[in-house]
Amino acid sequence: MEVRVNSYVEDLATGHRSLVNTAYLVYVALKDEKPSRVPRLIPETDIEKNVNGLQVKKTKRNKKIP
């Protein structure tokens, strides 16, 4: 599973926030110290469906890279 994490800096006086970093964390399920399959995520909202569609495309693209 890949999770996107956004980091922000905030001006405490004004409350204004600015994006300073975006990272992607990869989690791998392990069973007996080996990667194992987990149930697929089922996106429910339009936003989740959009993000999932983009992720599927990204995964396919990355698999083509040697």
N, C-alpha and C. Protein backbone atom coordinates (compact mmCIF):
# COMPACT_ATOMS: atom_id res chain seq x y z
N MET A 1 0.85 -1.16 0.00
CA MET A 1 0.00 0.00 0.00
C MET A 1 0.89 1.22 0.00
N GLU A 2 0.49 2.21 -0.75
CA GLU A 2 1.23 3.47 -0.80
C GLU A 2 0.35 4.55 -0.19
N VAL A 3 0.94 5.35 0.70
CA VAL A 3 0.21 6.42 1.38
C VAL A 3 0.90 7.74 1.09
N ARG A 4 0.11 8.73 0.68
CA ARG A 4 0.65 10.08 0.45
C ARG A 4 0.57 10.87 1.74
N VAL A 5 1.67 11.56 2.06
CA VAL A 5 1.75 12.37 3.27
C VAL A 5 2.15 13.79 2.88
N ASN A 6 1.36 14.77 3.26
CA ASN A 6 1.68 16.18 3.02
C ASN A 6 2.13 16.80 4.33
N SER A 7 3.21 17.58 4.26
CA SER A 7 3.71 18.30 5.44
C SER A 7 3.54 19.80 5.21
N TYR A 8 3.13 20.50 6.26
CA TYR A 8 2.86 21.92 6.16
C TYR A 8 3.64 22.69 7.22
N VAL A 9 3.93 23.95 6.92
CA VAL A 9 4.44 24.88 7.91
C VAL A 9 3.31 25.87 8.19
N GLU A 10 3.18 26.28 9.46
CA GLU A 10 2.08 27.18 9.82
C GLU A 10 2.62 28.39 10.57
N ASP A 11 2.18 29.56 10.14
CA ASP A 11 2.49 30.79 10.85
C ASP A 11 1.50 30.89 12.00
N LEU A 12 2.01 30.76 13.22
CA LEU A 12 1.11 30.73 14.38
C LEU A 12 0.39 32.06 14.60
N ALA A 13 0.97 33.16 14.16
CA ALA A 13 0.33 34.46 14.34
C ALA A 13 -0.88 34.63 13.41
N THR A 14 -0.74 34.15 12.18
CA THR A 14 -1.82 34.37 11.20
C THR A 14 -2.64 33.11 10.92
N GLY A 15 -2.06 31.94 11.25
CA GLY A 15 -2.76 30.68 10.94
C GLY A 15 -2.56 30.23 9.50
N HIS A 16 -1.80 31.01 8.72
CA HIS A 16 -1.57 30.65 7.31
C HIS A 16 -0.68 29.41 7.24
N ARG A 17 -1.11 28.45 6.43
CA ARG A 17 -0.34 27.21 6.23
C ARG A 17 0.16 27.13 4.80
N SER A 18 1.37 26.58 4.65
CA SER A 18 1.96 26.38 3.32
C SER A 18 2.50 24.96 3.23
N LEU A 19 2.24 24.32 2.10
CA LEU A 19 2.76 22.98 1.85
C LEU A 19 4.27 23.06 1.68
N VAL A 20 5.02 22.24 2.41
CA VAL A 20 6.48 22.24 2.29
C VAL A 20 7.03 20.92 1.77
N ASN A 21 6.25 19.84 1.83
CA ASN A 21 6.77 18.56 1.42
C ASN A 21 5.63 17.59 1.15
N THR A 22 5.82 16.74 0.15
CA THR A 22 4.91 15.64 -0.12
C THR A 22 5.75 14.38 -0.22
N ALA A 23 5.35 13.34 0.49
CA ALA A 23 6.10 12.08 0.46
C ALA A 23 5.13 10.93 0.23
N TYR A 24 5.65 9.87 -0.32
CA TYR A 24 4.87 8.65 -0.51
C TYR A 24 5.52 7.54 0.30
N LEU A 25 4.77 6.97 1.23
CA LEU A 25 5.26 5.89 2.07
C LEU A 25 4.70 4.58 1.53
N VAL A 26 5.54 3.56 1.47
CA VAL A 26 5.10 2.26 0.97
C VAL A 26 5.08 1.28 2.14
N TYR A 27 3.93 0.65 2.34
CA TYR A 27 3.78 -0.36 3.37
C TYR A 27 3.63 -1.72 2.72
N VAL A 28 4.29 -2.72 3.29
CA VAL A 28 4.20 -4.07 2.78
C VAL A 28 3.73 -4.97 3.91
N ALA A 29 2.64 -5.72 3.65
CA ALA A 29 2.14 -6.67 4.64
C ALA A 29 3.06 -7.88 4.66
N LEU A 30 3.40 -8.34 5.86
CA LEU A 30 4.28 -9.49 5.99
C LEU A 30 3.57 -10.62 6.72
N LYS A 31 3.82 -11.82 6.25
CA LYS A 31 3.34 -13.02 6.92
C LYS A 31 4.51 -13.98 6.95
N ASP A 32 4.92 -14.39 8.12
CA ASP A 32 6.11 -15.24 8.27
C ASP A 32 7.33 -14.58 7.62
N GLU A 33 7.44 -13.27 7.81
CA GLU A 33 8.56 -12.47 7.32
C GLU A 33 8.67 -12.42 5.80
N LYS A 34 7.57 -12.71 5.10
CA LYS A 34 7.53 -12.62 3.64
C LYS A 34 6.35 -11.76 3.23
N PRO A 35 6.49 -11.01 2.12
CA PRO A 35 5.35 -10.20 1.64
C PRO A 35 4.12 -11.07 1.41
N SER A 36 2.96 -10.55 1.81
CA SER A 36 1.72 -11.30 1.60
C SER A 36 0.63 -10.37 1.09
N ARG A 37 -0.33 -10.95 0.44
CA ARG A 37 -1.44 -10.17 -0.12
C ARG A 37 -2.43 -9.78 0.97
N VAL A 38 -3.06 -8.64 0.75
CA VAL A 38 -4.11 -8.17 1.64
C VAL A 38 -5.34 -7.86 0.78
N PRO A 39 -6.53 -7.78 1.38
CA PRO A 39 -7.72 -7.44 0.59
C PRO A 39 -7.55 -6.08 -0.09
N ARG A 40 -8.06 -5.97 -1.31
CA ARG A 40 -7.99 -4.71 -2.05
C ARG A 40 -8.84 -3.64 -1.37
N LEU A 41 -8.36 -2.42 -1.48
CA LEU A 41 -9.11 -1.26 -1.00
C LEU A 41 -10.28 -1.02 -1.94
N ILE A 42 -11.43 -0.76 -1.40
CA ILE A 42 -12.60 -0.46 -2.22
C ILE A 42 -12.93 1.02 -2.04
N PRO A 43 -12.56 1.87 -3.03
CA PRO A 43 -12.85 3.30 -2.91
C PRO A 43 -14.36 3.55 -2.95
N GLU A 44 -14.83 4.46 -2.10
CA GLU A 44 -16.26 4.71 -2.01
C GLU A 44 -16.65 6.10 -2.50
N THR A 45 -15.90 7.12 -2.12
CA THR A 45 -16.26 8.48 -2.52
C THR A 45 -15.66 8.80 -3.88
N ASP A 46 -16.14 9.87 -4.49
CA ASP A 46 -15.60 10.29 -5.79
C ASP A 46 -14.11 10.62 -5.68
N ILE A 47 -13.72 11.25 -4.59
CA ILE A 47 -12.30 11.59 -4.39
C ILE A 47 -11.47 10.32 -4.28
N GLU A 48 -11.93 9.36 -3.49
CA GLU A 48 -11.21 8.10 -3.34
C GLU A 48 -11.10 7.38 -4.69
N LYS A 49 -12.16 7.39 -5.46
CA LYS A 49 -12.15 6.73 -6.78
C LYS A 49 -11.16 7.41 -7.71
N ASN A 50 -11.10 8.75 -7.67
CA ASN A 50 -10.17 9.49 -8.51
C ASN A 50 -8.73 9.18 -8.11
N VAL A 51 -8.44 9.23 -6.83
CA VAL A 51 -7.08 8.95 -6.35
C VAL A 51 -6.69 7.51 -6.67
N ASN A 52 -7.62 6.58 -6.49
CA ASN A 52 -7.34 5.18 -6.79
C ASN A 52 -7.04 4.99 -8.28
N GLY A 53 -7.79 5.65 -9.14
CA GLY A 53 -7.56 5.56 -10.58
C GLY A 53 -6.18 6.08 -10.96
N LEU A 54 -5.78 7.20 -10.35
CA LEU A 54 -4.45 7.75 -10.60
C LEU A 54 -3.36 6.79 -10.11
N GLN A 55 -3.62 6.16 -8.97
CA GLN A 55 -2.63 5.23 -8.41
C GLN A 55 -2.48 4.00 -9.29
N VAL A 56 -3.57 3.51 -9.84
CA VAL A 56 -3.50 2.35 -10.73
C VAL A 56 -2.64 2.69 -11.95
N LYS A 57 -2.85 3.87 -12.51
CA LYS A 57 -2.04 4.30 -13.66
C LYS A 57 -0.57 4.42 -13.28
N LYS A 58 -0.29 4.98 -12.10
CA LYS A 58 1.08 5.15 -11.65
C LYS A 58 1.76 3.80 -11.46
N THR A 59 1.04 2.85 -10.87
CA THR A 59 1.59 1.52 -10.65
C THR A 59 1.93 0.84 -11.97
N LYS A 60 1.02 0.94 -12.95
CA LYS A 60 1.28 0.34 -14.26
C LYS A 60 2.50 0.98 -14.91
N ARG A 61 2.60 2.31 -14.81
CA ARG A 61 3.73 3.02 -15.39
C ARG A 61 5.03 2.59 -14.73
N ASN A 62 5.04 2.48 -13.41
CA ASN A 62 6.26 2.11 -12.68
C ASN A 62 6.71 0.69 -12.99
N LYS A 63 5.77 -0.20 -13.29
CA LYS A 63 6.13 -1.58 -13.61
C LYS A 63 6.84 -1.67 -14.95
N LYS A 64 6.65 -0.66 -15.82
CA LYS A 64 7.31 -0.64 -17.13
C LYS A 64 8.75 -0.16 -17.05
N ILE A 65 9.08 0.53 -15.95
CA ILE A 65 10.43 1.06 -15.76
C ILE A 65 11.35 -0.06 -15.30
N PRO A 66 12.47 -0.30 -16.02
CA PRO A 66 13.38 -1.40 -15.63
C PRO A 66 14.09 -1.13 -14.32
